[in-house]
Structures are given as C-alpha cells and as structure tokens.
C-alpha cells in the first residue's frame, strides 16, 4: 500500500521533470487486490516471459481501470481492505461490475497509511 501511495506522490512531485521530457500531465493510478496468483515463465522455448496470472491479477487490473472511471488514484479490493485492519485511511466507492467477474465488486479508495502503523510490518 505504501509503495502505491509513494509512486503516486513521486510522479506528482516530479511533474516539472516529466514535462521537461515531453510528458505533460504525467500521472499514474494503482489497483491492488489480495489473493493467490500463479507466478512463472510462460510461452514457448523460443520466447518466454516471466509473469503473474490469475483472478487476483485480473481484479487488480480492473480496479486500475475503475480508478480512472471514478477519478481516484488508488483503489483496493474488498479483500485487501479487510486485510488492512484499519491501517489505512480509505473511502468506500461502491459496488461495481467488472469485466471477468460474475458479481459486482466492492472498491475502496485509499488515500493514506495511518501514522500509527508506519513502524509495523
């Protein structure tokens, strides 16, 4: 969570640098989901790629897309929000139909990690 928030802050802080390199209005969004994934090399003997696949990866990707639609920088899944145990400042942004999922998914905008959790792992 901290990494996602740090990336967003860094990109916003370095706007002058991005503009210098011709990247006006540079910005990022983050989607985070918690769950099992399959990690490894996929492809043929001639061309392999190390990747991560599975429903959790798909959910994170759909949350990333949804973040743009609802106009926020960082969205997390219901499962991720539950795992955080109140360690973040978050706002419920509703139930949303997401491609690849039979039921609507809850989404939460995370804006900060609470100060009293900074030293905890």
PDB file of N, CA and C in Angstrom:
ATOM      1  N   UNK A   1       0.828  -1.177   0.000  1.00  0.00           N
ATOM      2  CA  UNK A   1       0.000   0.000   0.000  1.00  0.00           C
ATOM      3  C   UNK A   1       0.874   1.243   0.000  1.00  0.00           C
ATOM      4  N   UNK A   2       1.893   1.205   0.867  1.00  0.00           N
ATOM      5  CA  UNK A   2       2.798   2.355   0.933  1.00  0.00           C
ATOM      6  C   UNK A   2       3.498   2.579  -0.404  1.00  0.00           C
ATOM      7  N   UNK A   3       3.888   1.500  -1.056  1.00  0.00           N
ATOM      8  CA  UNK A   3       4.575   1.633  -2.341  1.00  0.00           C
ATOM      9  C   UNK A   3       3.685   2.302  -3.374  1.00  0.00           C
ATOM     10  N   UNK A   4       2.427   1.889  -3.457  1.00  0.00           N
ATOM     11  CA  UNK A   4       1.489   2.510  -4.384  1.00  0.00           C
ATOM     12  C   UNK A   4       1.322   3.990  -4.102  1.00  0.00           C
ATOM     13  N   UNK A   5       1.133   4.330  -2.843  1.00  0.00           N
ATOM     14  CA  UNK A   5       0.984   5.747  -2.468  1.00  0.00           C
ATOM     15  C   UNK A   5       2.264   6.526  -2.732  1.00  0.00           C
ATOM     16  N   UNK A   6       3.423   5.912  -2.464  1.00  0.00           N
ATOM     17  CA  UNK A   6       4.699   6.579  -2.723  1.00  0.00           C
ATOM     18  C   UNK A   6       4.906   6.832  -4.214  1.00  0.00           C
ATOM     19  N   UNK A   7       4.537   5.865  -5.053  1.00  0.00           N
ATOM     20  CA  UNK A   7       4.656   6.050  -6.506  1.00  0.00           C
ATOM     21  C   UNK A   7       3.797   7.212  -6.987  1.00  0.00           C
ATOM     22  N   UNK A   8       2.576   7.265  -6.503  1.00  0.00           N
ATOM     23  CA  UNK A   8       1.674   8.352  -6.883  1.00  0.00           C
ATOM     24  C   UNK A   8       2.266   9.693  -6.477  1.00  0.00           C
ATOM     25  N   UNK A   9       2.759   9.776  -5.241  1.00  0.00           N
ATOM     26  CA  UNK A   9       3.343  11.026  -4.749  1.00  0.00           C
ATOM     27  C   UNK A   9       4.561  11.434  -5.573  1.00  0.00           C
ATOM     28  N   UNK A  10       5.434  10.465  -5.886  1.00  0.00           N
ATOM     29  CA  UNK A  10       6.647  10.762  -6.641  1.00  0.00           C
ATOM     30  C   UNK A  10       6.318  11.286  -8.037  1.00  0.00           C
ATOM     31  N   UNK A  11       5.383  10.648  -8.713  1.00  0.00           N
ATOM     32  CA  UNK A  11       5.019  11.092 -10.057  1.00  0.00           C
ATOM     33  C   UNK A  11       4.444  12.508 -10.003  1.00  0.00           C
ATOM     34  N   UNK A  12       3.594  12.782  -9.028  1.00  0.00           N
ATOM     35  CA  UNK A  12       3.011  14.119  -8.907  1.00  0.00           C
ATOM     36  C   UNK A  12       4.067  15.156  -8.533  1.00  0.00           C
ATOM     37  N   UNK A  13       4.994  14.782  -7.669  1.00  0.00           N
ATOM     38  CA  UNK A  13       6.038  15.702  -7.217  1.00  0.00           C
ATOM     39  C   UNK A  13       7.002  16.067  -8.354  1.00  0.00           C
ATOM     40  N   UNK A  14       7.222  15.154  -9.276  1.00  0.00           N
ATOM     41  CA  UNK A  14       8.210  15.349 -10.344  1.00  0.00           C
ATOM     42  C   UNK A  14       7.594  15.839 -11.654  1.00  0.00           C
ATOM     43  N   UNK A  15       6.460  16.531 -11.589  1.00  0.00           N
ATOM     44  CA  UNK A  15       5.793  16.994 -12.807  1.00  0.00           C
ATOM     45  C   UNK A  15       6.708  17.834 -13.702  1.00  0.00           C
ATOM     46  N   UNK A  16       7.531  18.683 -13.119  1.00  0.00           N
ATOM     47  CA  UNK A  16       8.429  19.522 -13.923  1.00  0.00           C
ATOM     48  C   UNK A  16       9.399  18.646 -14.722  1.00  0.00           C
ATOM     49  N   UNK A  17       9.887  17.582 -14.124  1.00  0.00           N
ATOM     50  CA  UNK A  17      10.790  16.657 -14.815  1.00  0.00           C
ATOM     51  C   UNK A  17      10.080  15.958 -15.969  1.00  0.00           C
ATOM     52  N   UNK A  18       8.860  15.489 -15.717  1.00  0.00           N
ATOM     53  CA  UNK A  18       8.105  14.803 -16.778  1.00  0.00           C
ATOM     54  C   UNK A  18       7.854  15.754 -17.942  1.00  0.00           C
ATOM     55  N   UNK A  19       7.488  16.993 -17.621  1.00  0.00           N
ATOM     56  CA  UNK A  19       7.223  17.979 -18.671  1.00  0.00           C
ATOM     57  C   UNK A  19       8.490  18.289 -19.462  1.00  0.00           C
ATOM     58  N   UNK A  20       9.633  18.361 -18.796  1.00  0.00           N
ATOM     59  CA  UNK A  20      10.907  18.590 -19.471  1.00  0.00           C
ATOM     60  C   UNK A  20      11.163  17.504 -20.517  1.00  0.00           C
ATOM     61  N   UNK A  21      10.767  16.281 -20.199  1.00  0.00           N
ATOM     62  CA  UNK A  21      10.954  15.145 -21.114  1.00  0.00           C
ATOM     63  C   UNK A  21       9.770  14.961 -22.066  1.00  0.00           C
ATOM     64  N   UNK A  22       8.880  15.962 -22.120  1.00  0.00           N
ATOM     65  CA  UNK A  22       7.766  15.917 -23.065  1.00  0.00           C
ATOM     66  C   UNK A  22       6.571  15.110 -22.612  1.00  0.00           C
ATOM     67  N   UNK A  23       6.499  14.808 -21.339  1.00  0.00           N
ATOM     68  CA  UNK A  23       5.387  14.009 -20.804  1.00  0.00           C
ATOM     69  C   UNK A  23       4.461  14.893 -19.978  1.00  0.00           C
ATOM     70  N   UNK A  24       3.781  15.804 -20.649  1.00  0.00           N
ATOM     71  CA  UNK A  24       2.859  16.715 -19.964  1.00  0.00           C
ATOM     72  C   UNK A  24       1.713  15.945 -19.331  1.00  0.00           C
ATOM     73  N   UNK A  25       1.359  16.334 -18.115  1.00  0.00           N
ATOM     74  CA  UNK A  25       0.230  15.717 -17.440  1.00  0.00           C
ATOM     75  C   UNK A  25       0.465  14.269 -17.045  1.00  0.00           C
ATOM     76  N   UNK A  26       1.718  13.887 -16.814  1.00  0.00           N
ATOM     77  CA  UNK A  26       2.048  12.522 -16.432  1.00  0.00           C
ATOM     78  C   UNK A  26       1.359  12.184 -15.115  1.00  0.00           C
ATOM     79  N   UNK A  27       0.759  11.030 -15.041  1.00  0.00           N
ATOM     80  CA  UNK A  27       0.106  10.585 -13.825  1.00  0.00           C
ATOM     81  C   UNK A  27      -0.008   9.077 -13.812  1.00  0.00           C
ATOM     82  N   UNK A  28      -0.261   8.520 -12.657  1.00  0.00           N
ATOM     83  CA  UNK A  28      -0.450   7.073 -12.563  1.00  0.00           C
ATOM     84  C   UNK A  28      -1.641   6.780 -11.671  1.00  0.00           C
ATOM     85  N   UNK A  29      -2.150   5.590 -11.836  1.00  0.00           N
ATOM     86  CA  UNK A  29      -3.201   5.066 -10.971  1.00  0.00           C
ATOM     87  C   UNK A  29      -2.771   3.677 -10.539  1.00  0.00           C
ATOM     88  N   UNK A  30      -3.303   3.232  -9.403  1.00  0.00           N
ATOM     89  CA  UNK A  30      -2.906   1.948  -8.840  1.00  0.00           C
ATOM     90  C   UNK A  30      -4.147   1.146  -8.483  1.00  0.00           C
ATOM     91  N   UNK A  31      -4.139  -0.140  -8.809  1.00  0.00           N
ATOM     92  CA  UNK A  31      -5.180  -1.071  -8.395  1.00  0.00           C
ATOM     93  C   UNK A  31      -4.524  -2.196  -7.618  1.00  0.00           C
ATOM     94  N   UNK A  32      -5.047  -2.515  -6.438  1.00  0.00           N
ATOM     95  CA  UNK A  32      -4.445  -3.552  -5.593  1.00  0.00           C
ATOM     96  C   UNK A  32      -5.511  -4.548  -5.164  1.00  0.00           C
ATOM     97  N   UNK A  33      -5.188  -5.837  -5.345  1.00  0.00           N
ATOM     98  CA  UNK A  33      -6.055  -6.923  -4.892  1.00  0.00           C
ATOM     99  C   UNK A  33      -5.192  -7.934  -4.146  1.00  0.00           C
ATOM    100  N   UNK A  34      -5.799  -8.643  -3.214  1.00  0.00           N
ATOM    101  CA  UNK A  34      -5.085  -9.614  -2.399  1.00  0.00           C
ATOM    102  C   UNK A  34      -5.622 -11.011  -2.694  1.00  0.00           C
ATOM    103  N   UNK A  35      -4.728 -11.958  -2.910  1.00  0.00           N
ATOM    104  CA  UNK A  35      -5.142 -13.328  -3.159  1.00  0.00           C
ATOM    105  C   UNK A  35      -4.037 -14.144  -3.794  1.00  0.00           C
ATOM    106  N   UNK A  36      -4.381 -15.357  -4.155  1.00  0.00           N
ATOM    107  CA  UNK A  36      -3.407 -16.262  -4.758  1.00  0.00           C
ATOM    108  C   UNK A  36      -3.209 -15.933  -6.230  1.00  0.00           C
ATOM    109  N   UNK A  37      -1.969 -16.094  -6.699  1.00  0.00           N
ATOM    110  CA  UNK A  37      -1.620 -15.877  -8.092  1.00  0.00           C
ATOM    111  C   UNK A  37      -0.699 -17.010  -8.543  1.00  0.00           C
ATOM    112  N   UNK A  38      -0.557 -17.152  -9.843  1.00  0.00           N
ATOM    113  CA  UNK A  38       0.406 -18.083 -10.414  1.00  0.00           C
ATOM    114  C   UNK A  38       1.539 -17.240 -10.987  1.00  0.00           C
ATOM    115  N   UNK A  39       2.767 -17.559 -10.574  1.00  0.00           N
ATOM    116  CA  UNK A  39       3.937 -16.799 -10.982  1.00  0.00           C
ATOM    117  C   UNK A  39       4.898 -17.740 -11.692  1.00  0.00           C
ATOM    118  N   UNK A  40       5.411 -17.306 -12.829  1.00  0.00           N
ATOM    119  CA  UNK A  40       6.398 -18.137 -13.511  1.00  0.00           C
ATOM    120  C   UNK A  40       6.581 -17.742 -14.952  1.00  0.00           C
ATOM    121  N   UNK A  41       7.339 -18.562 -15.643  1.00  0.00           N
ATOM    122  CA  UNK A  41       7.604 -18.341 -17.062  1.00  0.00           C
ATOM    123  C   UNK A  41       6.490 -18.961 -17.888  1.00  0.00           C
ATOM    124  N   UNK A  42       6.014 -18.220 -18.868  1.00  0.00           N
ATOM    125  CA  UNK A  42       5.023 -18.733 -19.802  1.00  0.00           C
ATOM    126  C   UNK A  42       5.545 -18.482 -21.217  1.00  0.00           C
ATOM    127  N   UNK A  43       5.072 -19.283 -22.139  1.00  0.00           N
ATOM    128  CA  UNK A  43       5.476 -19.116 -23.522  1.00  0.00           C
ATOM    129  C   UNK A  43       6.139 -20.367 -24.054  1.00  0.00           C
ATOM    130  N   UNK A  44       6.774 -20.202 -25.192  1.00  0.00           N
ATOM    131  CA  UNK A  44       7.429 -21.325 -25.848  1.00  0.00           C
ATOM    132  C   UNK A  44       8.913 -21.322 -25.518  1.00  0.00           C
ATOM    133  N   UNK A  45       9.607 -22.309 -26.039  1.00  0.00           N
ATOM    134  CA  UNK A  45      11.040 -22.392 -25.826  1.00  0.00           C
ATOM    135  C   UNK A  45      11.760 -21.200 -26.458  1.00  0.00           C
ATOM    136  N   UNK A  46      11.191 -20.693 -27.553  1.00  0.00           N
ATOM    137  CA  UNK A  46      11.792 -19.562 -28.269  1.00  0.00           C
ATOM    138  C   UNK A  46      11.540 -18.224 -27.594  1.00  0.00           C
ATOM    139  N   UNK A  47      10.407 -18.113 -26.945  1.00  0.00           N
ATOM    140  CA  UNK A  47      10.057 -16.828 -26.345  1.00  0.00           C
ATOM    141  C   UNK A  47       9.311 -17.064 -25.035  1.00  0.00           C
ATOM    142  N   UNK A  48       9.969 -16.740 -23.940  1.00  0.00           N
ATOM    143  CA  UNK A  48       9.357 -16.885 -22.630  1.00  0.00           C
ATOM    144  C   UNK A  48       9.283 -15.533 -21.934  1.00  0.00           C
ATOM    145  N   UNK A  49       8.290 -15.429 -21.073  1.00  0.00           N
ATOM    146  CA  UNK A  49       8.107 -14.196 -20.316  1.00  0.00           C
ATOM    147  C   UNK A  49       7.768 -14.574 -18.882  1.00  0.00           C
ATOM    148  N   UNK A  50       8.416 -13.928 -17.929  1.00  0.00           N
ATOM    149  CA  UNK A  50       8.113 -14.136 -16.520  1.00  0.00           C
ATOM    150  C   UNK A  50       6.915 -13.265 -16.187  1.00  0.00           C
ATOM    151  N   UNK A  51       5.844 -13.848 -15.666  1.00  0.00           N
ATOM    152  CA  UNK A  51       4.618 -13.085 -15.460  1.00  0.00           C
ATOM    153  C   UNK A  51       3.832 -13.600 -14.263  1.00  0.00           C
ATOM    154  N   UNK A  52       2.769 -12.912 -13.975  1.00  0.00           N
ATOM    155  CA  UNK A  52       1.845 -13.265 -12.899  1.00  0.00           C
ATOM    156  C   UNK A  52       0.457 -13.328 -13.516  1.00  0.00           C
ATOM    157  N   UNK A  53      -0.287 -14.409 -13.238  1.00  0.00           N
ATOM    158  CA  UNK A  53      -1.619 -14.565 -13.801  1.00  0.00           C
ATOM    159  C   UNK A  53      -2.589 -15.072 -12.738  1.00  0.00           C
ATOM    160  N   UNK A  54      -3.875 -14.919 -13.027  1.00  0.00           N
ATOM    161  CA  UNK A  54      -4.917 -15.440 -12.155  1.00  0.00           C
ATOM    162  C   UNK A  54      -5.982 -14.399 -11.876  1.00  0.00           C
ATOM    163  N   UNK A  55      -7.071 -14.821 -11.237  1.00  0.00           N
ATOM    164  CA  UNK A  55      -8.178 -13.910 -10.945  1.00  0.00           C
ATOM    165  C   UNK A  55      -7.767 -12.694 -10.110  1.00  0.00           C
ATOM    166  N   UNK A  56      -6.815 -12.855  -9.204  1.00  0.00           N
ATOM    167  CA  UNK A  56      -6.379 -11.727  -8.372  1.00  0.00           C
ATOM    168  C   UNK A  56      -5.701 -10.664  -9.226  1.00  0.00           C
ATOM    169  N   UNK A  57      -4.899 -11.101 -10.183  1.00  0.00           N
ATOM    170  CA  UNK A  57      -4.232 -10.170 -11.094  1.00  0.00           C
ATOM    171  C   UNK A  57      -5.278  -9.445 -11.939  1.00  0.00           C
ATOM    172  N   UNK A  58      -6.269 -10.197 -12.412  1.00  0.00           N
ATOM    173  CA  UNK A  58      -7.347  -9.613 -13.204  1.00  0.00           C
ATOM    174  C   UNK A  58      -8.104  -8.569 -12.390  1.00  0.00           C
ATOM    175  N   UNK A  59      -8.393  -8.879 -11.127  1.00  0.00           N
ATOM    176  CA  UNK A  59      -9.113  -7.933 -10.276  1.00  0.00           C
ATOM    177  C   UNK A  59      -8.306  -6.651 -10.078  1.00  0.00           C
ATOM    178  N   UNK A  60      -7.021  -6.778  -9.829  1.00  0.00           N
ATOM    179  CA  UNK A  60      -6.177  -5.590  -9.658  1.00  0.00           C
ATOM    180  C   UNK A  60      -6.181  -4.740 -10.927  1.00  0.00           C
ATOM    181  N   UNK A  61      -6.113  -5.394 -12.067  1.00  0.00           N
ATOM    182  CA  UNK A  61      -6.145  -4.677 -13.339  1.00  0.00           C
ATOM    183  C   UNK A  61      -7.479  -3.957 -13.544  1.00  0.00           C
ATOM    184  N   UNK A  62      -8.572  -4.613 -13.210  1.00  0.00           N
ATOM    185  CA  UNK A  62      -9.893  -3.991 -13.359  1.00  0.00           C
ATOM    186  C   UNK A  62     -10.066  -2.828 -12.390  1.00  0.00           C
ATOM    187  N   UNK A  63      -9.489  -2.951 -11.193  1.00  0.00           N
ATOM    188  CA  UNK A  63      -9.536  -1.839 -10.234  1.00  0.00           C
ATOM    189  C   UNK A  63      -8.737  -0.650 -10.752  1.00  0.00           C
ATOM    190  N   UNK A  64      -7.626  -0.925 -11.402  1.00  0.00           N
ATOM    191  CA  UNK A  64      -6.836   0.136 -12.020  1.00  0.00           C
ATOM    192  C   UNK A  64      -7.670   0.882 -13.055  1.00  0.00           C
ATOM    193  N   UNK A  65      -8.370   0.144 -13.907  1.00  0.00           N
ATOM    194  CA  UNK A  65      -9.255   0.773 -14.897  1.00  0.00           C
ATOM    195  C   UNK A  65     -10.374   1.561 -14.223  1.00  0.00           C
ATOM    196  N   UNK A  66     -10.956   0.978 -13.183  1.00  0.00           N
ATOM    197  CA  UNK A  66     -12.047   1.634 -12.463  1.00  0.00           C
ATOM    198  C   UNK A  66     -11.582   2.928 -11.799  1.00  0.00           C
ATOM    199  N   UNK A  67     -10.346   2.951 -11.321  1.00  0.00           N
ATOM    200  CA  UNK A  67      -9.814   4.167 -10.684  1.00  0.00           C
ATOM    201  C   UNK A  67      -9.922   5.361 -11.622  1.00  0.00           C
ATOM    202  N   UNK A  68      -9.640   5.133 -12.892  1.00  0.00           N
ATOM    203  CA  UNK A  68      -9.760   6.223 -13.866  1.00  0.00           C
ATOM    204  C   UNK A  68     -11.213   6.639 -14.015  1.00  0.00           C
ATOM    205  N   UNK A  69     -12.103   5.674 -14.104  1.00  0.00           N
ATOM    206  CA  UNK A  69     -13.527   5.949 -14.285  1.00  0.00           C
ATOM    207  C   UNK A  69     -14.098   6.768 -13.130  1.00  0.00           C
ATOM    208  N   UNK A  70     -13.738   6.417 -11.898  1.00  0.00           N
ATOM    209  CA  UNK A  70     -14.294   7.119 -10.736  1.00  0.00           C
ATOM    210  C   UNK A  70     -13.446   8.319 -10.312  1.00  0.00           C
ATOM    211  N   UNK A  71     -12.309   8.534 -11.000  1.00  0.00           N
ATOM    212  CA  UNK A  71     -11.500   9.725 -10.760  1.00  0.00           C
ATOM    213  C   UNK A  71     -10.672   9.706  -9.496  1.00  0.00           C
ATOM    214  N   UNK A  72     -10.103   8.544  -9.164  1.00  0.00           N
ATOM    215  CA  UNK A  72      -9.232   8.456  -7.989  1.00  0.00           C
ATOM    216  C   UNK A  72      -7.890   7.867  -8.400  1.00  0.00           C
ATOM    217  N   UNK A  73      -6.919   7.928  -7.513  1.00  0.00           N
ATOM    218  CA  UNK A  73      -5.566   7.452  -7.819  1.00  0.00           C
ATOM    219  C   UNK A  73      -5.310   6.002  -7.413  1.00  0.00           C
ATOM    220  N   UNK A  74      -5.900   5.535  -6.303  1.00  0.00           N
ATOM    221  CA  UNK A  74      -5.587   4.199  -5.801  1.00  0.00           C
ATOM    222  C   UNK A  74      -6.858   3.516  -5.300  1.00  0.00           C
ATOM    223  N   UNK A  75      -7.166   2.359  -5.893  1.00  0.00           N
ATOM    224  CA  UNK A  75      -8.310   1.563  -5.454  1.00  0.00           C
ATOM    225  C   UNK A  75      -7.833   0.199  -4.988  1.00  0.00           C
ATOM    226  N   UNK A  76      -8.479  -0.297  -3.938  1.00  0.00           N
ATOM    227  CA  UNK A  76      -8.197  -1.650  -3.459  1.00  0.00           C
ATOM    228  C   UNK A  76      -9.486  -2.453  -3.435  1.00  0.00           C
ATOM    229  N   UNK A  77      -9.319  -3.760  -3.505  1.00  0.00           N
ATOM    230  CA  UNK A  77     -10.451  -4.676  -3.456  1.00  0.00           C
ATOM    231  C   UNK A  77     -10.984  -4.792  -2.028  1.00  0.00           C
ATOM    232  N   UNK A  78     -12.148  -5.381  -1.916  1.00  0.00           N
ATOM    233  CA  UNK A  78     -12.756  -5.620  -0.611  1.00  0.00           C
ATOM    234  C   UNK A  78     -11.852  -6.496   0.253  1.00  0.00           C
ATOM    235  N   UNK A  79     -11.286  -7.537  -0.353  1.00  0.00           N
ATOM    236  CA  UNK A  79     -10.396  -8.434   0.392  1.00  0.00           C
ATOM    237  C   UNK A  79      -9.166  -7.729   0.916  1.00  0.00           C
ATOM    238  N   UNK A  80      -8.584  -6.876   0.108  1.00  0.00           N
ATOM    239  CA  UNK A  80      -7.404  -6.113   0.532  1.00  0.00           C
ATOM    240  C   UNK A  80      -7.774  -5.161   1.656  1.00  0.00           C
ATOM    241  N   UNK A  81      -8.897  -4.475   1.484  1.00  0.00           N
ATOM    242  CA  UNK A  81      -9.352  -3.545   2.521  1.00  0.00           C
ATOM    243  C   UNK A  81      -9.562  -4.280   3.845  1.00  0.00           C
ATOM    244  N   UNK A  82     -10.149  -5.460   3.799  1.00  0.00           N
ATOM    245  CA  UNK A  82     -10.376  -6.255   5.013  1.00  0.00           C
ATOM    246  C   UNK A  82      -9.058  -6.656   5.672  1.00  0.00           C
ATOM    247  N   UNK A  83      -8.064  -7.024   4.868  1.00  0.00           N
ATOM    248  CA  UNK A  83      -6.761  -7.441   5.396  1.00  0.00           C
ATOM    249  C   UNK A  83      -5.997  -6.293   6.053  1.00  0.00           C
ATOM    250  N   UNK A  84      -6.288  -5.071   5.667  1.00  0.00           N
ATOM    251  CA  UNK A  84      -5.546  -3.926   6.189  1.00  0.00           C
ATOM    252  C   UNK A  84      -5.857  -3.624   7.646  1.00  0.00           C
ATOM    253  N   UNK A  85      -6.968  -4.137   8.146  1.00  0.00           N
ATOM    254  CA  UNK A  85      -7.279  -3.996   9.558  1.00  0.00           C
ATOM    255  C   UNK A  85      -7.305  -2.571  10.078  1.00  0.00           C
ATOM    256  N   UNK A  86      -7.808  -1.646   9.310  1.00  0.00           N
ATOM    257  CA  UNK A  86      -7.907  -0.263   9.763  1.00  0.00           C
ATOM    258  C   UNK A  86      -6.599   0.506   9.706  1.00  0.00           C
ATOM    259  N   UNK A  87      -5.594  -0.028   9.007  1.00  0.00           N
ATOM    260  CA  UNK A  87      -4.283   0.617   8.951  1.00  0.00           C
ATOM    261  C   UNK A  87      -4.205   1.741   7.915  1.00  0.00           C
ATOM    262  N   UNK A  88      -5.294   1.939   7.174  1.00  0.00           N
ATOM    263  CA  UNK A  88      -5.271   2.970   6.136  1.00  0.00           C
ATOM    264  C   UNK A  88      -6.472   3.890   6.257  1.00  0.00           C
ATOM    265  N   UNK A  89      -6.324   5.073   5.659  1.00  0.00           N
ATOM    266  CA  UNK A  89      -7.463   5.974   5.510  1.00  0.00           C
ATOM    267  C   UNK A  89      -8.077   5.640   4.161  1.00  0.00           C
ATOM    268  N   UNK A  90      -9.351   5.253   4.176  1.00  0.00           N
ATOM    269  CA  UNK A  90      -9.994   4.801   2.943  1.00  0.00           C
ATOM    270  C   UNK A  90     -11.442   5.256   2.891  1.00  0.00           C
ATOM    271  N   UNK A  91     -11.950   5.292   1.668  1.00  0.00           N
ATOM    272  CA  UNK A  91     -13.334   5.685   1.425  1.00  0.00           C
ATOM    273  C   UNK A  91     -13.972   4.630   0.522  1.00  0.00           C
ATOM    274  N   UNK A  92     -15.121   4.143   0.922  1.00  0.00           N
ATOM    275  CA  UNK A  92     -15.873   3.185   0.115  1.00  0.00           C
ATOM    276  C   UNK A  92     -16.391   3.896  -1.125  1.00  0.00           C
ATOM    277  N   UNK A  93     -16.132   3.338  -2.307  1.00  0.00           N
ATOM    278  CA  UNK A  93     -16.592   3.978  -3.542  1.00  0.00           C
ATOM    279  C   UNK A  93     -17.658   3.157  -4.251  1.00  0.00           C
ATOM    280  N   UNK A  94     -18.199   2.151  -3.565  1.00  0.00           N
ATOM    281  CA  UNK A  94     -19.355   1.439  -4.094  1.00  0.00           C
ATOM    282  C   UNK A  94     -19.070   0.077  -4.682  1.00  0.00           C
ATOM    283  N   UNK A  95     -20.169  -0.518  -5.165  1.00  0.00           N
ATOM    284  CA  UNK A  95     -20.132  -1.811  -5.843  1.00  0.00           C
ATOM    285  C   UNK A  95     -20.066  -1.528  -7.342  1.00  0.00           C
ATOM    286  N   UNK A  96     -19.224  -2.282  -8.039  1.00  0.00           N
ATOM    287  CA  UNK A  96     -19.041  -2.022  -9.463  1.00  0.00           C
ATOM    288  C   UNK A  96     -18.970  -3.321 -10.247  1.00  0.00           C
ATOM    289  N   UNK A  97     -19.651  -3.365 -11.395  1.00  0.00           N
ATOM    290  CA  UNK A  97     -19.491  -4.524 -12.275  1.00  0.00           C
ATOM    291  C   UNK A  97     -18.119  -4.427 -12.948  1.00  0.00           C
ATOM    292  N   UNK A  98     -17.355  -5.503 -12.902  1.00  0.00           N
ATOM    293  CA  UNK A  98     -16.038  -5.510 -13.517  1.00  0.00           C
ATOM    294  C   UNK A  98     -15.958  -6.669 -14.505  1.00  0.00           C
ATOM    295  N   UNK A  99     -15.370  -6.411 -15.642  1.00  0.00           N
ATOM    296  CA  UNK A  99     -15.227  -7.444 -16.668  1.00  0.00           C
ATOM    297  C   UNK A  99     -14.505  -8.662 -16.103  1.00  0.00           C
ATOM    298  N   UNK A 100     -15.041  -9.837 -16.398  1.00  0.00           N
ATOM    299  CA  UNK A 100     -14.424 -11.074 -15.932  1.00  0.00           C
ATOM    300  C   UNK A 100     -14.926 -11.563 -14.585  1.00  0.00           C
ATOM    301  N   UNK A 101     -15.843 -10.827 -13.967  1.00  0.00           N
ATOM    302  CA  UNK A 101     -16.372 -11.208 -12.659  1.00  0.00           C
ATOM    303  C   UNK A 101     -17.888 -11.285 -12.731  1.00  0.00           C
ATOM    304  N   UNK A 102     -18.445 -12.352 -12.182  1.00  0.00           N
ATOM    305  CA  UNK A 102     -19.889 -12.581 -12.244  1.00  0.00           C
ATOM    306  C   UNK A 102     -20.674 -11.662 -11.316  1.00  0.00           C
ATOM    307  N   UNK A 103     -20.060 -11.254 -10.227  1.00  0.00           N
ATOM    308  CA  UNK A 103     -20.750 -10.392  -9.265  1.00  0.00           C
ATOM    309  C   UNK A 103     -20.032  -9.046  -9.163  1.00  0.00           C
ATOM    310  N   UNK A 104     -20.785  -8.021  -8.804  1.00  0.00           N
ATOM    311  CA  UNK A 104     -20.183  -6.702  -8.615  1.00  0.00           C
ATOM    312  C   UNK A 104     -19.157  -6.763  -7.486  1.00  0.00           C
ATOM    313  N   UNK A 105     -18.140  -5.926  -7.595  1.00  0.00           N
ATOM    314  CA  UNK A 105     -17.046  -5.906  -6.628  1.00  0.00           C
ATOM    315  C   UNK A 105     -17.049  -4.603  -5.839  1.00  0.00           C
ATOM    316  N   UNK A 106     -16.812  -4.704  -4.527  1.00  0.00           N
ATOM    317  CA  UNK A 106     -16.651  -3.514  -3.702  1.00  0.00           C
ATOM    318  C   UNK A 106     -15.276  -2.924  -3.965  1.00  0.00           C
ATOM    319  N   UNK A 107     -15.198  -1.602  -3.927  1.00  0.00           N
ATOM    320  CA  UNK A 107     -13.918  -0.932  -4.125  1.00  0.00           C
ATOM    321  C   UNK A 107     -13.762   0.178  -3.092  1.00  0.00           C
ATOM    322  N   UNK A 108     -12.521   0.389  -2.679  1.00  0.00           N
ATOM    323  CA  UNK A 108     -12.198   1.406  -1.686  1.00  0.00           C
ATOM    324  C   UNK A 108     -11.046   2.263  -2.197  1.00  0.00           C
ATOM    325  N   UNK A 109     -11.195   3.580  -2.065  1.00  0.00           N
ATOM    326  CA  UNK A 109     -10.108   4.492  -2.387  1.00  0.00           C
ATOM    327  C   UNK A 109      -9.248   4.641  -1.136  1.00  0.00           C
ATOM    328  N   UNK A 110      -7.971   4.368  -1.258  1.00  0.00           N
ATOM    329  CA  UNK A 110      -7.043   4.548  -0.146  1.00  0.00           C
ATOM    330  C   UNK A 110      -6.255   5.822  -0.395  1.00  0.00           C
ATOM    331  N   UNK A 111      -6.214   6.692   0.614  1.00  0.00           N
ATOM    332  CA  UNK A 111      -5.519   7.968   0.475  1.00  0.00           C
ATOM    333  C   UNK A 111      -4.276   8.077   1.348  1.00  0.00           C
ATOM    334  N   UNK A 112      -4.164   7.240   2.385  1.00  0.00           N
ATOM    335  CA  UNK A 112      -3.002   7.325   3.269  1.00  0.00           C
ATOM    336  C   UNK A 112      -2.908   6.086   4.145  1.00  0.00           C
ATOM    337  N   UNK A 113      -1.690   5.823   4.605  1.00  0.00           N
ATOM    338  CA  UNK A 113      -1.464   4.826   5.643  1.00  0.00           C
ATOM    339  C   UNK A 113      -1.500   5.585   6.956  1.00  0.00           C
ATOM    340  N   UNK A 114      -2.255   5.088   7.918  1.00  0.00           N
ATOM    341  CA  UNK A 114      -2.370   5.792   9.199  1.00  0.00           C
ATOM    342  C   UNK A 114      -1.017   5.867   9.894  1.00  0.00           C
ATOM    343  N   UNK A 115      -0.762   6.982  10.525  1.00  0.00           N
ATOM    344  CA  UNK A 115       0.531   7.285  11.130  1.00  0.00           C
ATOM    345  C   UNK A 115       0.969   6.250  12.151  1.00  0.00           C
ATOM    346  N   UNK A 116       0.072   5.712  12.943  1.00  0.00           N
ATOM    347  CA  UNK A 116       0.454   4.787  13.991  1.00  0.00           C
ATOM    348  C   UNK A 116       0.862   3.416  13.451  1.00  0.00           C
ATOM    349  N   UNK A 117       0.796   3.196  12.137  1.00  0.00           N
ATOM    350  CA  UNK A 117       1.177   1.912  11.558  1.00  0.00           C
ATOM    351  C   UNK A 117       2.487   2.010  10.801  1.00  0.00           C
ATOM    352  N   UNK A 118       3.141   3.155  10.789  1.00  0.00           N
ATOM    353  CA  UNK A 118       4.350   3.350   9.985  1.00  0.00           C
ATOM    354  C   UNK A 118       5.469   2.370  10.355  1.00  0.00           C
ATOM    355  N   UNK A 119       5.630   2.031  11.614  1.00  0.00           N
ATOM    356  CA  UNK A 119       6.717   1.136  12.021  1.00  0.00           C
ATOM    357  C   UNK A 119       6.352  -0.327  11.979  1.00  0.00           C
ATOM    358  N   UNK A 120       5.111  -0.647  11.743  1.00  0.00           N
ATOM    359  CA  UNK A 120       4.665  -2.038  11.756  1.00  0.00           C
ATOM    360  C   UNK A 120       4.888  -2.677  10.405  1.00  0.00           C
ATOM    361  N   UNK A 121       5.105  -3.970  10.413  1.00  0.00           N
ATOM    362  CA  UNK A 121       5.262  -4.738   9.166  1.00  0.00           C
ATOM    363  C   UNK A 121       3.987  -5.475   8.864  1.00  0.00           C
TER     364      UNK A 121
END
